[in-house]
């Protein structure tokens, strides 16, 4: 998964995950359980009249960075 991609294509260090979490505005990465809770909410009656909405899980706080994070080098194909 992500571990192989980071190490194979981005030469990530062994501590890449801890560093990635520390660099996020909220100090952690999105966990699968958080996505599952959002999906469960959207599928439930509690979401009510919510239609055509976007649930933004890109983990960026608008205005906190000059631009979205970019890899140091392009992905080798």
PDB file of N, CA and C in Angstrom:
ATOM      1  N   UNK A   1       0.805  -1.181   0.000  1.00  0.00           N
ATOM      2  CA  UNK A   1       0.000   0.000   0.000  1.00  0.00           C
ATOM      3  C   UNK A   1       0.858   1.257   0.000  1.00  0.00           C
ATOM      4  N   UNK A   2       0.452   2.189   0.796  1.00  0.00           N
ATOM      5  CA  UNK A   2       1.110   3.498   0.855  1.00  0.00           C
ATOM      6  C   UNK A   2       2.573   3.394   1.274  1.00  0.00           C
ATOM      7  N   UNK A   3       2.873   2.468   2.168  1.00  0.00           N
ATOM      8  CA  UNK A   3       4.262   2.270   2.621  1.00  0.00           C
ATOM      9  C   UNK A   3       5.170   1.962   1.427  1.00  0.00           C
ATOM     10  N   UNK A   4       4.747   1.043   0.578  1.00  0.00           N
ATOM     11  CA  UNK A   4       5.550   0.653  -0.588  1.00  0.00           C
ATOM     12  C   UNK A   4       5.680   1.814  -1.573  1.00  0.00           C
ATOM     13  N   UNK A   5       4.598   2.530  -1.806  1.00  0.00           N
ATOM     14  CA  UNK A   5       4.637   3.670  -2.727  1.00  0.00           C
ATOM     15  C   UNK A   5       5.608   4.728  -2.225  1.00  0.00           C
ATOM     16  N   UNK A   6       5.509   5.074  -0.943  1.00  0.00           N
ATOM     17  CA  UNK A   6       6.375   6.113  -0.387  1.00  0.00           C
ATOM     18  C   UNK A   6       7.849   5.733  -0.464  1.00  0.00           C
ATOM     19  N   UNK A   7       8.159   4.493  -0.142  1.00  0.00           N
ATOM     20  CA  UNK A   7       9.564   4.073  -0.125  1.00  0.00           C
ATOM     21  C   UNK A   7      10.106   3.800  -1.531  1.00  0.00           C
ATOM     22  N   UNK A   8       9.296   3.248  -2.417  1.00  0.00           N
ATOM     23  CA  UNK A   8       9.751   2.912  -3.761  1.00  0.00           C
ATOM     24  C   UNK A   8       9.857   4.133  -4.665  1.00  0.00           C
ATOM     25  N   UNK A   9       8.842   4.974  -4.662  1.00  0.00           N
ATOM     26  CA  UNK A   9       8.787   6.079  -5.614  1.00  0.00           C
ATOM     27  C   UNK A   9       9.186   7.431  -5.042  1.00  0.00           C
ATOM     28  N   UNK A  10       9.212   7.557  -3.728  1.00  0.00           N
ATOM     29  CA  UNK A  10       9.526   8.851  -3.120  1.00  0.00           C
ATOM     30  C   UNK A  10      10.727   8.789  -2.190  1.00  0.00           C
ATOM     31  N   UNK A  11      11.422   7.652  -2.155  1.00  0.00           N
ATOM     32  CA  UNK A  11      12.596   7.481  -1.290  1.00  0.00           C
ATOM     33  C   UNK A  11      12.321   7.926   0.142  1.00  0.00           C
ATOM     34  N   UNK A  12      11.156   7.598   0.647  1.00  0.00           N
ATOM     35  CA  UNK A  12      10.760   8.021   1.992  1.00  0.00           C
ATOM     36  C   UNK A  12      11.615   7.339   3.061  1.00  0.00           C
ATOM     37  N   UNK A  13      11.901   8.086   4.105  1.00  0.00           N
ATOM     38  CA  UNK A  13      12.649   7.548   5.245  1.00  0.00           C
ATOM     39  C   UNK A  13      11.748   6.623   6.055  1.00  0.00           C
ATOM     40  N   UNK A  14      12.357   5.863   6.958  1.00  0.00           N
ATOM     41  CA  UNK A  14      11.578   4.935   7.781  1.00  0.00           C
ATOM     42  C   UNK A  14      10.524   5.646   8.624  1.00  0.00           C
ATOM     43  N   UNK A  15      10.773   6.902   8.995  1.00  0.00           N
ATOM     44  CA  UNK A  15       9.826   7.632   9.842  1.00  0.00           C
ATOM     45  C   UNK A  15       8.874   8.518   9.029  1.00  0.00           C
ATOM     46  N   UNK A  16       8.678   8.206   7.748  1.00  0.00           N
ATOM     47  CA  UNK A  16       7.862   9.055   6.881  1.00  0.00           C
ATOM     48  C   UNK A  16       6.443   9.237   7.401  1.00  0.00           C
ATOM     49  N   UNK A  17       5.859   8.188   7.983  1.00  0.00           N
ATOM     50  CA  UNK A  17       4.481   8.288   8.450  1.00  0.00           C
ATOM     51  C   UNK A  17       4.369   9.254   9.631  1.00  0.00           C
ATOM     52  N   UNK A  18       5.260   9.143  10.597  1.00  0.00           N
ATOM     53  CA  UNK A  18       5.242  10.056  11.752  1.00  0.00           C
ATOM     54  C   UNK A  18       5.471  11.494  11.294  1.00  0.00           C
ATOM     55  N   UNK A  19       6.381  11.678  10.345  1.00  0.00           N
ATOM     56  CA  UNK A  19       6.647  13.028   9.837  1.00  0.00           C
ATOM     57  C   UNK A  19       5.446  13.572   9.073  1.00  0.00           C
ATOM     58  N   UNK A  20       4.803  12.725   8.274  1.00  0.00           N
ATOM     59  CA  UNK A  20       3.622  13.159   7.520  1.00  0.00           C
ATOM     60  C   UNK A  20       2.507  13.581   8.466  1.00  0.00           C
ATOM     61  N   UNK A  21       2.306  12.812   9.526  1.00  0.00           N
ATOM     62  CA  UNK A  21       1.277  13.173  10.502  1.00  0.00           C
ATOM     63  C   UNK A  21       1.603  14.497  11.174  1.00  0.00           C
ATOM     64  N   UNK A  22       2.850  14.698  11.563  1.00  0.00           N
ATOM     65  CA  UNK A  22       3.249  15.926  12.256  1.00  0.00           C
ATOM     66  C   UNK A  22       3.089  17.157  11.365  1.00  0.00           C
ATOM     67  N   UNK A  23       3.219  16.975  10.052  1.00  0.00           N
ATOM     68  CA  UNK A  23       3.127  18.095   9.118  1.00  0.00           C
ATOM     69  C   UNK A  23       1.693  18.485   8.779  1.00  0.00           C
ATOM     70  N   UNK A  24       0.722  17.659   9.107  1.00  0.00           N
ATOM     71  CA  UNK A  24      -0.677  17.962   8.807  1.00  0.00           C
ATOM     72  C   UNK A  24      -1.169  19.059   9.745  1.00  0.00           C
ATOM     73  N   UNK A  25      -2.080  19.892   9.283  1.00  0.00           N
ATOM     74  CA  UNK A  25      -2.592  20.969  10.136  1.00  0.00           C
ATOM     75  C   UNK A  25      -3.193  20.470  11.455  1.00  0.00           C
ATOM     76  N   UNK A  26      -3.769  19.275  11.455  1.00  0.00           N
ATOM     77  CA  UNK A  26      -4.384  18.747  12.675  1.00  0.00           C
ATOM     78  C   UNK A  26      -3.452  17.807  13.429  1.00  0.00           C
ATOM     79  N   UNK A  27      -2.223  17.643  12.934  1.00  0.00           N
ATOM     80  CA  UNK A  27      -1.225  16.832  13.614  1.00  0.00           C
ATOM     81  C   UNK A  27      -1.414  15.333  13.489  1.00  0.00           C
ATOM     82  N   UNK A  28      -2.255  14.918  12.557  1.00  0.00           N
ATOM     83  CA  UNK A  28      -2.476  13.487  12.354  1.00  0.00           C
ATOM     84  C   UNK A  28      -3.068  13.279  10.967  1.00  0.00           C
ATOM     85  N   UNK A  29      -3.038  12.042  10.512  1.00  0.00           N
ATOM     86  CA  UNK A  29      -3.642  11.689   9.233  1.00  0.00           C
ATOM     87  C   UNK A  29      -5.051  11.154   9.451  1.00  0.00           C
ATOM     88  N   UNK A  30      -5.845  11.255   8.434  1.00  0.00           N
ATOM     89  CA  UNK A  30      -7.202  10.728   8.461  1.00  0.00           C
ATOM     90  C   UNK A  30      -7.165   9.218   8.638  1.00  0.00           C
ATOM     91  N   UNK A  31      -7.984   8.711   9.528  1.00  0.00           N
ATOM     92  CA  UNK A  31      -8.035   7.273   9.798  1.00  0.00           C
ATOM     93  C   UNK A  31      -9.245   6.658   9.084  1.00  0.00           C
ATOM     94  N   UNK A  32      -9.149   5.390   8.659  1.00  0.00           N
ATOM     95  CA  UNK A  32     -10.272   4.735   7.978  1.00  0.00           C
ATOM     96  C   UNK A  32     -11.574   4.791   8.779  1.00  0.00           C
ATOM     97  N   UNK A  33     -11.491   4.708  10.097  1.00  0.00           N
ATOM     98  CA  UNK A  33     -12.706   4.751  10.921  1.00  0.00           C
ATOM     99  C   UNK A  33     -13.416   6.098  10.790  1.00  0.00           C
ATOM    100  N   UNK A  34     -12.658   7.176  10.572  1.00  0.00           N
ATOM    101  CA  UNK A  34     -13.275   8.494  10.405  1.00  0.00           C
ATOM    102  C   UNK A  34     -14.057   8.565   9.098  1.00  0.00           C
ATOM    103  N   UNK A  35     -13.506   7.980   8.051  1.00  0.00           N
ATOM    104  CA  UNK A  35     -14.217   7.933   6.775  1.00  0.00           C
ATOM    105  C   UNK A  35     -15.464   7.066   6.920  1.00  0.00           C
ATOM    106  N   UNK A  36     -15.337   5.945   7.612  1.00  0.00           N
ATOM    107  CA  UNK A  36     -16.479   5.047   7.823  1.00  0.00           C
ATOM    108  C   UNK A  36     -17.605   5.754   8.573  1.00  0.00           C
ATOM    109  N   UNK A  37     -17.265   6.559   9.574  1.00  0.00           N
ATOM    110  CA  UNK A  37     -18.306   7.296  10.308  1.00  0.00           C
ATOM    111  C   UNK A  37     -19.016   8.300   9.408  1.00  0.00           C
ATOM    112  N   UNK A  38     -18.265   8.959   8.526  1.00  0.00           N
ATOM    113  CA  UNK A  38     -18.882   9.911   7.603  1.00  0.00           C
ATOM    114  C   UNK A  38     -19.816   9.194   6.635  1.00  0.00           C
ATOM    115  N   UNK A  39     -19.385   8.053   6.126  1.00  0.00           N
ATOM    116  CA  UNK A  39     -20.220   7.270   5.212  1.00  0.00           C
ATOM    117  C   UNK A  39     -21.477   6.788   5.926  1.00  0.00           C
ATOM    118  N   UNK A  40     -21.328   6.310   7.153  1.00  0.00           N
ATOM    119  CA  UNK A  40     -22.489   5.849   7.923  1.00  0.00           C
ATOM    120  C   UNK A  40     -23.467   6.995   8.150  1.00  0.00           C
ATOM    121  N   UNK A  41     -22.947   8.174   8.450  1.00  0.00           N
ATOM    122  CA  UNK A  41     -23.806   9.343   8.647  1.00  0.00           C
ATOM    123  C   UNK A  41     -24.558   9.675   7.363  1.00  0.00           C
ATOM    124  N   UNK A  42     -23.847   9.709   6.241  1.00  0.00           N
ATOM    125  CA  UNK A  42     -24.486  10.054   4.976  1.00  0.00           C
ATOM    126  C   UNK A  42     -25.544   9.040   4.565  1.00  0.00           C
ATOM    127  N   UNK A  43     -25.359   7.785   4.958  1.00  0.00           N
ATOM    128  CA  UNK A  43     -26.323   6.740   4.620  1.00  0.00           C
ATOM    129  C   UNK A  43     -27.477   6.668   5.613  1.00  0.00           C
ATOM    130  N   UNK A  44     -27.401   7.433   6.684  1.00  0.00           N
ATOM    131  CA  UNK A  44     -28.424   7.358   7.728  1.00  0.00           C
ATOM    132  C   UNK A  44     -29.515   8.411   7.537  1.00  0.00           C
ATOM    133  N   UNK A  45     -30.581   8.240   8.281  1.00  0.00           N
ATOM    134  CA  UNK A  45     -31.668   9.221   8.292  1.00  0.00           C
ATOM    135  C   UNK A  45     -31.202  10.548   8.883  1.00  0.00           C
ATOM    136  N   UNK A  46     -30.169  10.517   9.713  1.00  0.00           N
ATOM    137  CA  UNK A  46     -29.679  11.736  10.361  1.00  0.00           C
ATOM    138  C   UNK A  46     -29.131  12.756   9.368  1.00  0.00           C
ATOM    139  N   UNK A  47     -28.728  12.308   8.183  1.00  0.00           N
ATOM    140  CA  UNK A  47     -28.211  13.259   7.198  1.00  0.00           C
ATOM    141  C   UNK A  47     -29.338  14.072   6.572  1.00  0.00           C
ATOM    142  N   UNK A  48     -30.563  13.636   6.791  1.00  0.00           N
ATOM    143  CA  UNK A  48     -31.749  14.398   6.405  1.00  0.00           C
ATOM    144  C   UNK A  48     -31.739  14.942   4.996  1.00  0.00           C
ATOM    145  N   UNK A  49     -31.824  16.248   4.900  1.00  0.00           N
ATOM    146  CA  UNK A  49     -31.947  16.918   3.606  1.00  0.00           C
ATOM    147  C   UNK A  49     -30.596  17.260   2.981  1.00  0.00           C
ATOM    148  N   UNK A  50     -29.544  16.665   3.460  1.00  0.00           N
ATOM    149  CA  UNK A  50     -28.213  16.947   2.925  1.00  0.00           C
ATOM    150  C   UNK A  50     -28.109  16.350   1.524  1.00  0.00           C
ATOM    151  N   UNK A  51     -28.024  17.204   0.520  1.00  0.00           N
ATOM    152  CA  UNK A  51     -27.909  16.737  -0.862  1.00  0.00           C
ATOM    153  C   UNK A  51     -26.878  17.583  -1.598  1.00  0.00           C
ATOM    154  N   UNK A  52     -26.207  16.981  -2.534  1.00  0.00           N
ATOM    155  CA  UNK A  52     -25.257  17.711  -3.355  1.00  0.00           C
ATOM    156  C   UNK A  52     -24.124  18.351  -2.576  1.00  0.00           C
ATOM    157  N   UNK A  53     -23.786  17.801  -1.439  1.00  0.00           N
ATOM    158  CA  UNK A  53     -22.733  18.375  -0.603  1.00  0.00           C
ATOM    159  C   UNK A  53     -21.416  17.652  -0.823  1.00  0.00           C
ATOM    160  N   UNK A  54     -20.344  18.337  -0.523  1.00  0.00           N
ATOM    161  CA  UNK A  54     -19.011  17.749  -0.614  1.00  0.00           C
ATOM    162  C   UNK A  54     -18.456  17.601   0.789  1.00  0.00           C
ATOM    163  N   UNK A  55     -18.026  16.403   1.115  1.00  0.00           N
ATOM    164  CA  UNK A  55     -17.338  16.154   2.379  1.00  0.00           C
ATOM    165  C   UNK A  55     -15.853  16.184   2.038  1.00  0.00           C
ATOM    166  N   UNK A  56     -15.162  17.190   2.500  1.00  0.00           N
ATOM    167  CA  UNK A  56     -13.768  17.422   2.130  1.00  0.00           C
ATOM    168  C   UNK A  56     -12.830  16.784   3.143  1.00  0.00           C
ATOM    169  N   UNK A  57     -12.157  15.700   2.727  1.00  0.00           N
ATOM    170  CA  UNK A  57     -11.222  14.986   3.597  1.00  0.00           C
ATOM    171  C   UNK A  57      -9.777  15.148   3.110  1.00  0.00           C
ATOM    172  N   UNK A  58      -9.465  16.257   2.452  1.00  0.00           N
ATOM    173  CA  UNK A  58      -8.098  16.395   1.941  1.00  0.00           C
ATOM    174  C   UNK A  58      -7.104  16.845   3.004  1.00  0.00           C
ATOM    175  N   UNK A  59      -7.545  17.071   4.207  1.00  0.00           N
ATOM    176  CA  UNK A  59      -6.716  17.384   5.370  1.00  0.00           C
ATOM    177  C   UNK A  59      -5.933  18.680   5.231  1.00  0.00           C
ATOM    178  N   UNK A  60      -6.443  19.608   4.469  1.00  0.00           N
ATOM    179  CA  UNK A  60      -5.824  20.926   4.357  1.00  0.00           C
ATOM    180  C   UNK A  60      -6.724  21.944   5.040  1.00  0.00           C
ATOM    181  N   UNK A  61      -6.127  22.908   5.665  1.00  0.00           N
ATOM    182  CA  UNK A  61      -6.877  24.029   6.214  1.00  0.00           C
ATOM    183  C   UNK A  61      -6.683  25.165   5.227  1.00  0.00           C
ATOM    184  N   UNK A  62      -7.779  25.638   4.644  1.00  0.00           N
ATOM    185  CA  UNK A  62      -7.667  26.666   3.616  1.00  0.00           C
ATOM    186  C   UNK A  62      -6.961  27.893   4.168  1.00  0.00           C
ATOM    187  N   UNK A  63      -5.984  28.372   3.425  1.00  0.00           N
ATOM    188  CA  UNK A  63      -5.255  29.567   3.815  1.00  0.00           C
ATOM    189  C   UNK A  63      -4.054  29.318   4.706  1.00  0.00           C
ATOM    190  N   UNK A  64      -3.840  28.082   5.164  1.00  0.00           N
ATOM    191  CA  UNK A  64      -2.707  27.839   6.069  1.00  0.00           C
ATOM    192  C   UNK A  64      -1.410  27.594   5.313  1.00  0.00           C
ATOM    193  N   UNK A  65      -1.502  27.226   4.060  1.00  0.00           N
ATOM    194  CA  UNK A  65      -0.316  26.978   3.242  1.00  0.00           C
ATOM    195  C   UNK A  65      -0.393  27.837   1.994  1.00  0.00           C
ATOM    196  N   UNK A  66       0.766  28.124   1.420  1.00  0.00           N
ATOM    197  CA  UNK A  66       0.772  28.884   0.175  1.00  0.00           C
ATOM    198  C   UNK A  66       0.174  28.071  -0.964  1.00  0.00           C
ATOM    199  N   UNK A  67       0.400  26.771  -0.951  1.00  0.00           N
ATOM    200  CA  UNK A  67      -0.163  25.890  -1.969  1.00  0.00           C
ATOM    201  C   UNK A  67      -0.210  24.477  -1.410  1.00  0.00           C
ATOM    202  N   UNK A  68      -0.863  23.608  -2.134  1.00  0.00           N
ATOM    203  CA  UNK A  68      -0.938  22.210  -1.708  1.00  0.00           C
ATOM    204  C   UNK A  68       0.456  21.595  -1.729  1.00  0.00           C
ATOM    205  N   UNK A  69       0.679  20.654  -0.841  1.00  0.00           N
ATOM    206  CA  UNK A  69       1.982  19.983  -0.773  1.00  0.00           C
ATOM    207  C   UNK A  69       2.265  19.256  -2.080  1.00  0.00           C
ATOM    208  N   UNK A  70       3.481  19.358  -2.550  1.00  0.00           N
ATOM    209  CA  UNK A  70       3.895  18.713  -3.789  1.00  0.00           C
ATOM    210  C   UNK A  70       5.046  17.767  -3.494  1.00  0.00           C
ATOM    211  N   UNK A  71       5.139  16.650  -4.213  1.00  0.00           N
ATOM    212  CA  UNK A  71       6.293  15.764  -4.017  1.00  0.00           C
ATOM    213  C   UNK A  71       7.573  16.488  -4.426  1.00  0.00           C
ATOM    214  N   UNK A  72       8.687  16.091  -3.825  1.00  0.00           N
ATOM    215  CA  UNK A  72       9.966  16.723  -4.138  1.00  0.00           C
ATOM    216  C   UNK A  72      10.384  16.470  -5.583  1.00  0.00           C
ATOM    217  N   UNK A  73      10.003  15.319  -6.119  1.00  0.00           N
ATOM    218  CA  UNK A  73      10.304  15.028  -7.521  1.00  0.00           C
ATOM    219  C   UNK A  73       9.119  14.279  -8.127  1.00  0.00           C
ATOM    220  N   UNK A  74       9.019  14.351  -9.434  1.00  0.00           N
ATOM    221  CA  UNK A  74       7.907  13.704 -10.124  1.00  0.00           C
ATOM    222  C   UNK A  74       7.984  12.193  -9.966  1.00  0.00           C
ATOM    223  N   UNK A  75       6.831  11.562  -9.972  1.00  0.00           N
ATOM    224  CA  UNK A  75       6.739  10.111  -9.891  1.00  0.00           C
ATOM    225  C   UNK A  75       7.346   9.490 -11.145  1.00  0.00           C
ATOM    226  N   UNK A  76       8.269   8.584 -10.958  1.00  0.00           N
ATOM    227  CA  UNK A  76       8.902   7.906 -12.091  1.00  0.00           C
ATOM    228  C   UNK A  76       7.969   6.821 -12.610  1.00  0.00           C
ATOM    229  N   UNK A  77       7.676   6.877 -13.876  1.00  0.00           N
ATOM    230  CA  UNK A  77       6.778   5.879 -14.474  1.00  0.00           C
ATOM    231  C   UNK A  77       7.552   4.840 -15.224  1.00  0.00           C
TER     232      UNK A  77
END
